[in-house]
C-alpha atoms as a PDB file:
ATOM      1  CA  MET A   1      52.570 -38.167  61.336  1.00  0.00           C
ATOM      2  CA  ALA A   2      51.005 -41.559  60.767  1.00  0.00           C
ATOM      3  CA  PHE A   3      47.737 -42.168  62.628  1.00  0.00           C
ATOM      4  CA  ALA A   4      49.256 -45.132  64.487  1.00  0.00           C
ATOM      5  CA  ASP A   5      51.939 -42.801  65.890  1.00  0.00           C
ATOM      6  CA  SER A   6      49.477 -40.117  67.032  1.00  0.00           C
ATOM      7  CA  TYR A   7      48.098 -39.864  70.554  1.00  0.00           C
ATOM      8  CA  LEU A   8      44.664 -40.994  69.359  1.00  0.00           C
ATOM      9  CA  GLY A   9      46.185 -43.833  67.330  1.00  0.00           C
ATOM     10  CA  GLN A  10      48.078 -45.103  70.367  1.00  0.00           C
ATOM     11  CA  LEU A  11      44.950 -44.766  72.510  1.00  0.00           C
ATOM     12  CA  ARG A  12      42.923 -46.719  69.926  1.00  0.00           C
ATOM     13  CA  ALA A  13      45.457 -49.559  70.129  1.00  0.00           C
ATOM     14  CA  LEU A  14      44.568 -49.851  73.826  1.00  0.00           C
ATOM     15  CA  ILE A  15      40.795 -49.279  73.820  1.00  0.00           C
ATOM     16  CA  GLY A  16      39.619 -50.348  70.382  1.00  0.00           C
ATOM     17  CA  ASN A  17      36.475 -48.680  69.003  1.00  0.00           C
ATOM     18  CA  ARG A  18      35.179 -47.379  72.357  1.00  0.00           C
ATOM     19  CA  LEU A  19      33.889 -43.778  72.339  1.00  0.00           C
ATOM     20  CA  VAL A  20      36.708 -41.292  72.932  1.00  0.00           C
ATOM     21  CA  LEU A  21      36.219 -37.671  73.992  1.00  0.00           C
ATOM     22  CA  MET A  22      38.782 -35.743  71.939  1.00  0.00           C
ATOM     23  CA  PRO A  23      39.932 -32.111  72.038  1.00  0.00           C
ATOM     24  CA  GLY A  24      40.897 -30.529  68.771  1.00  0.00           C
ATOM     25  CA  ALA A  25      40.694 -27.501  66.514  1.00  0.00           C
ATOM     26  CA  ARG A  26      39.559 -26.538  63.039  1.00  0.00           C
ATOM     27  CA  ILE A  27      39.944 -23.361  61.036  1.00  0.00           C
ATOM     28  CA  VAL A  28      38.143 -21.231  58.499  1.00  0.00           C
ATOM     29  CA  ILE A  29      40.793 -19.864  56.148  1.00  0.00           C
ATOM     30  CA  GLU A  30      39.236 -17.002  54.226  1.00  0.00           C
ATOM     31  CA  HIS A  31      40.737 -15.776  50.953  1.00  0.00           C
ATOM     32  CA  ALA A  32      40.766 -12.016  50.270  1.00  0.00           C
ATOM     33  CA  ASP A  33      37.839 -12.546  47.864  1.00  0.00           C
ATOM     34  CA  GLY A  34      35.716 -14.195  50.584  1.00  0.00           C
ATOM     35  CA  ARG A  35      36.125 -17.814  49.488  1.00  0.00           C
ATOM     36  CA  ILE A  36      36.825 -20.440  52.157  1.00  0.00           C
ATOM     37  CA  LEU A  37      39.390 -23.228  51.898  1.00  0.00           C
ATOM     38  CA  LEU A  38      38.026 -26.766  52.200  1.00  0.00           C
ATOM     39  CA  GLN A  39      39.530 -30.223  51.946  1.00  0.00           C
ATOM     40  CA  LYS A  40      37.774 -33.329  50.642  1.00  0.00           C
ATOM     41  CA  ARG A  41      38.279 -35.999  53.286  1.00  0.00           C
ATOM     42  CA  THR A  42      39.288 -39.556  52.454  1.00  0.00           C
ATOM     43  CA  ASP A  43      37.411 -41.112  55.406  1.00  0.00           C
ATOM     44  CA  PHE A  44      33.880 -39.920  54.564  1.00  0.00           C
ATOM     45  CA  GLY A  45      34.366 -38.613  51.018  1.00  0.00           C
ATOM     46  CA  LEU A  46      32.893 -35.252  52.063  1.00  0.00           C
ATOM     47  CA  TRP A  47      34.370 -31.764  52.322  1.00  0.00           C
ATOM     48  CA  GLY A  48      35.437 -30.150  55.580  1.00  0.00           C
ATOM     49  CA  LEU A  49      37.663 -27.559  57.174  1.00  0.00           C
ATOM     50  CA  PRO A  50      41.333 -28.182  57.919  1.00  0.00           C
ATOM     51  CA  GLY A  51      41.941 -29.227  61.507  1.00  0.00           C
ATOM     52  CA  GLY A  52      42.558 -32.132  63.777  1.00  0.00           C
ATOM     53  CA  ASN A  53      43.191 -33.542  67.217  1.00  0.00           C
ATOM     54  CA  ALA A  54      45.555 -32.469  69.953  1.00  0.00           C
ATOM     55  CA  GLU A  55      48.732 -34.386  70.626  1.00  0.00           C
ATOM     56  CA  GLU A  56      50.197 -34.723  74.118  1.00  0.00           C
ATOM     57  CA  GLY A  57      51.549 -31.400  75.370  1.00  0.00           C
ATOM     58  CA  GLU A  58      50.068 -29.418  72.470  1.00  0.00           C
ATOM     59  CA  GLY A  59      47.823 -26.360  72.787  1.00  0.00           C
ATOM     60  CA  LEU A  60      44.912 -25.858  70.405  1.00  0.00           C
ATOM     61  CA  GLU A  61      46.558 -22.949  68.569  1.00  0.00           C
ATOM     62  CA  ALA A  62      49.531 -25.206  67.825  1.00  0.00           C
ATOM     63  CA  VAL A  63      47.143 -27.992  66.749  1.00  0.00           C
ATOM     64  CA  VAL A  64      45.451 -25.893  64.097  1.00  0.00           C
ATOM     65  CA  ILE A  65      48.712 -24.418  62.774  1.00  0.00           C
ATOM     66  CA  ARG A  66      50.276 -27.894  62.519  1.00  0.00           C
ATOM     67  CA  GLU A  67      47.214 -29.484  60.940  1.00  0.00           C
ATOM     68  CA  VAL A  68      46.910 -26.776  58.274  1.00  0.00           C
ATOM     69  CA  VAL A  69      50.522 -27.330  57.219  1.00  0.00           C
ATOM     70  CA  GLU A  70      50.083 -31.115  57.227  1.00  0.00           C
ATOM     71  CA  GLU A  71      46.772 -31.080  55.326  1.00  0.00           C
ATOM     72  CA  THR A  72      47.126 -28.147  52.905  1.00  0.00           C
ATOM     73  CA  GLY A  73      50.759 -27.001  52.889  1.00  0.00           C
ATOM     74  CA  LEU A  74      49.693 -23.483  53.940  1.00  0.00           C
ATOM     75  CA  ILE A  75      51.334 -21.570  56.765  1.00  0.00           C
ATOM     76  CA  VAL A  76      48.690 -19.635  58.688  1.00  0.00           C
ATOM     77  CA  SER A  77      49.174 -16.693  61.027  1.00  0.00           C
ATOM     78  CA  ASP A  78      47.001 -14.260  62.964  1.00  0.00           C
ATOM     79  CA  ILE A  79      44.589 -17.024  63.940  1.00  0.00           C
ATOM     80  CA  GLU A  80      41.667 -16.023  66.144  1.00  0.00           C
ATOM     81  CA  PRO A  81      39.061 -18.209  67.860  1.00  0.00           C
ATOM     82  CA  PHE A  82      35.426 -17.461  67.055  1.00  0.00           C
ATOM     83  CA  GLY A  83      33.555 -20.553  68.178  1.00  0.00           C
ATOM     84  CA  PHE A  84      33.496 -23.864  69.968  1.00  0.00           C
ATOM     85  CA  GLY A  85      31.993 -27.036  68.508  1.00  0.00           C
ATOM     86  CA  CYS A  86      30.728 -29.304  71.256  1.00  0.00           C
ATOM     87  CA  ASP A  87      27.150 -30.364  70.446  1.00  0.00           C
ATOM     88  CA  PRO A  88      27.271 -34.170  70.701  1.00  0.00           C
ATOM     89  CA  GLN A  89      24.558 -34.458  68.031  1.00  0.00           C
ATOM     90  CA  TYR A  90      26.968 -32.968  65.472  1.00  0.00           C
ATOM     91  CA  GLU A  91      30.386 -33.686  66.970  1.00  0.00           C
ATOM     92  CA  THR A  92      30.024 -37.446  67.563  1.00  0.00           C
ATOM     93  CA  PHE A  93      31.125 -39.697  64.707  1.00  0.00           C
ATOM     94  CA  GLN A  94      31.487 -43.332  63.917  1.00  0.00           C
ATOM     95  CA  PHE A  95      34.243 -43.657  61.349  1.00  0.00           C
ATOM     96  CA  PRO A  96      34.148 -46.253  58.563  1.00  0.00           C
ATOM     97  CA  ASN A  97      36.564 -48.447  60.579  1.00  0.00           C
ATOM     98  CA  GLY A  98      34.144 -48.485  63.563  1.00  0.00           C
ATOM     99  CA  ASP A  99      36.037 -46.007  65.780  1.00  0.00           C
ATOM    100  CA  ARG A 100      33.712 -43.663  67.693  1.00  0.00           C
ATOM    101  CA  THR A 101      34.787 -40.163  68.726  1.00  0.00           C
ATOM    102  CA  GLN A 102      33.081 -37.161  70.271  1.00  0.00           C
ATOM    103  CA  PHE A 103      34.969 -33.994  69.370  1.00  0.00           C
ATOM    104  CA  PHE A 104      35.349 -30.758  71.309  1.00  0.00           C
ATOM    105  CA  ALA A 105      36.775 -28.327  68.770  1.00  0.00           C
ATOM    106  CA  LEU A 106      37.900 -24.748  69.188  1.00  0.00           C
ATOM    107  CA  VAL A 107      37.160 -23.097  65.847  1.00  0.00           C
ATOM    108  CA  PHE A 108      39.536 -20.446  64.524  1.00  0.00           C
ATOM    109  CA  TYR A 109      39.595 -18.156  61.516  1.00  0.00           C
ATOM    110  CA  THR A 110      42.304 -16.351  59.621  1.00  0.00           C
ATOM    111  CA  ARG A 111      42.778 -14.308  56.506  1.00  0.00           C
ATOM    112  CA  SER A 112      46.572 -14.498  56.797  1.00  0.00           C
ATOM    113  CA  PHE A 113      48.372 -17.363  55.107  1.00  0.00           C
ATOM    114  CA  GLU A 114      51.378 -18.120  52.945  1.00  0.00           C
ATOM    115  CA  GLY A 115      51.622 -20.594  50.092  1.00  0.00           C
ATOM    116  CA  GLU A 116      49.254 -22.276  47.683  1.00  0.00           C
ATOM    117  CA  PRO A 117      46.938 -25.001  49.000  1.00  0.00           C
ATOM    118  CA  ALA A 118      47.646 -28.556  47.890  1.00  0.00           C
ATOM    119  CA  VAL A 119      46.886 -32.102  49.006  1.00  0.00           C
ATOM    120  CA  THR A 120      49.877 -32.922  51.193  1.00  0.00           C
ATOM    121  CA  ASP A 121      48.800 -36.000  53.139  1.00  0.00           C
ATOM    122  CA  ASP A 122      46.576 -39.064  52.872  1.00  0.00           C
ATOM    123  CA  GLU A 123      43.698 -37.488  54.843  1.00  0.00           C
ATOM    124  CA  SER A 124      42.303 -35.660  51.829  1.00  0.00           C
ATOM    125  CA  THR A 125      41.822 -36.165  48.102  1.00  0.00           C
ATOM    126  CA  ALA A 126      41.381 -32.514  47.122  1.00  0.00           C
ATOM    127  CA  VAL A 127      41.560 -28.968  48.438  1.00  0.00           C
ATOM    128  CA  GLY A 128      39.767 -25.962  47.027  1.00  0.00           C
ATOM    129  CA  TRP A 129      38.389 -22.493  47.599  1.00  0.00           C
ATOM    130  CA  PHE A 130      34.595 -22.154  47.793  1.00  0.00           C
ATOM    131  CA  ALA A 131      32.224 -19.216  48.086  1.00  0.00           C
ATOM    132  CA  PRO A 132      30.215 -19.445  51.323  1.00  0.00           C
ATOM    133  CA  ASP A 133      26.981 -19.503  49.322  1.00  0.00           C
ATOM    134  CA  ARG A 134      28.218 -22.289  47.005  1.00  0.00           C
ATOM    135  CA  LEU A 135      29.624 -24.901  49.361  1.00  0.00           C
ATOM    136  CA  PRO A 136      29.955 -28.557  48.313  1.00  0.00           C
ATOM    137  CA  GLU A 137      28.487 -31.446  50.294  1.00  0.00           C
ATOM    138  CA  MET A 138      30.104 -31.241  53.721  1.00  0.00           C
ATOM    139  CA  LEU A 139      30.222 -33.015  57.049  1.00  0.00           C
ATOM    140  CA  PRO A 140      27.416 -31.461  59.152  1.00  0.00           C
ATOM    141  CA  ASN A 141      29.732 -30.227  61.923  1.00  0.00           C
ATOM    142  CA  MET A 142      31.921 -28.500  59.352  1.00  0.00           C
ATOM    143  CA  ALA A 143      28.949 -26.823  57.673  1.00  0.00           C
ATOM    144  CA  ARG A 144      27.802 -25.622  61.108  1.00  0.00           C
ATOM    145  CA  SER A 145      31.269 -24.192  61.729  1.00  0.00           C
ATOM    146  CA  ILE A 146      31.071 -22.124  58.545  1.00  0.00           C
ATOM    147  CA  GLU A 147      27.543 -20.976  59.399  1.00  0.00           C
ATOM    148  CA  ALA A 148      28.836 -19.928  62.840  1.00  0.00           C
ATOM    149  CA  TYR A 149      31.716 -18.039  61.221  1.00  0.00           C
ATOM    150  CA  LEU A 150      29.307 -16.109  59.014  1.00  0.00           C
ATOM    151  CA  ARG A 151      27.210 -15.226  62.086  1.00  0.00           C
ATOM    152  CA  PHE A 152      30.381 -14.202  63.946  1.00  0.00           C
ATOM    153  CA  LYS A 153      31.392 -11.874  61.106  1.00  0.00           C
ATOM    154  CA  VAL A 154      28.074 -10.039  61.505  1.00  0.00           C
ATOM    155  CA  SER A 155      27.698 -10.101  65.282  1.00  0.00           C
ATOM    156  CA  GLY A 156      31.263 -10.279  66.619  1.00  0.00           C
ATOM    157  CA  LYS A 157      29.935 -12.701  69.254  1.00  0.00           C
ATOM    158  CA  PHE A 158      31.658 -15.985  70.123  1.00  0.00           C
ATOM    159  CA  GLN A 159      29.666 -18.914  68.742  1.00  0.00           C
ATOM    160  CA  MET A 160      28.822 -22.061  70.737  1.00  0.00           C
ATOM    161  CA  ILE A 161      27.882 -24.711  68.206  1.00  0.00           C
END
């Protein structure tokens, strides 16, 4: 879906660059060997987790499943929430075009997926598997999501980040 056709794109046409509070989801996809799938974003040139914003009438589980297919070509299953990203210090962004957004993201994980990851849209320039202790330069909120996932794996406790 083109940004202009999305809910947020249509909202931006009405309100311009004004700060928008936006629900969404992101996901840690963990390979059997422990590596995590990341995508290199075109907007900031940094790595992050697959995910995105809710469309009208869409639940957050559906958001993350749809976004993974759109961004990586993978089909995920057995997704489970482990955290919620809502700290405005890390979840508020000004994009290169001037748009400002504060995200509220339910963060999922899965180890169940089908397919081979590939760049499948214009939101990323690369996708790749990375060991948690050898991550590339990432958006701070995405790095915090991975840190929260690693804490969750040890504690089993839901992470507010």
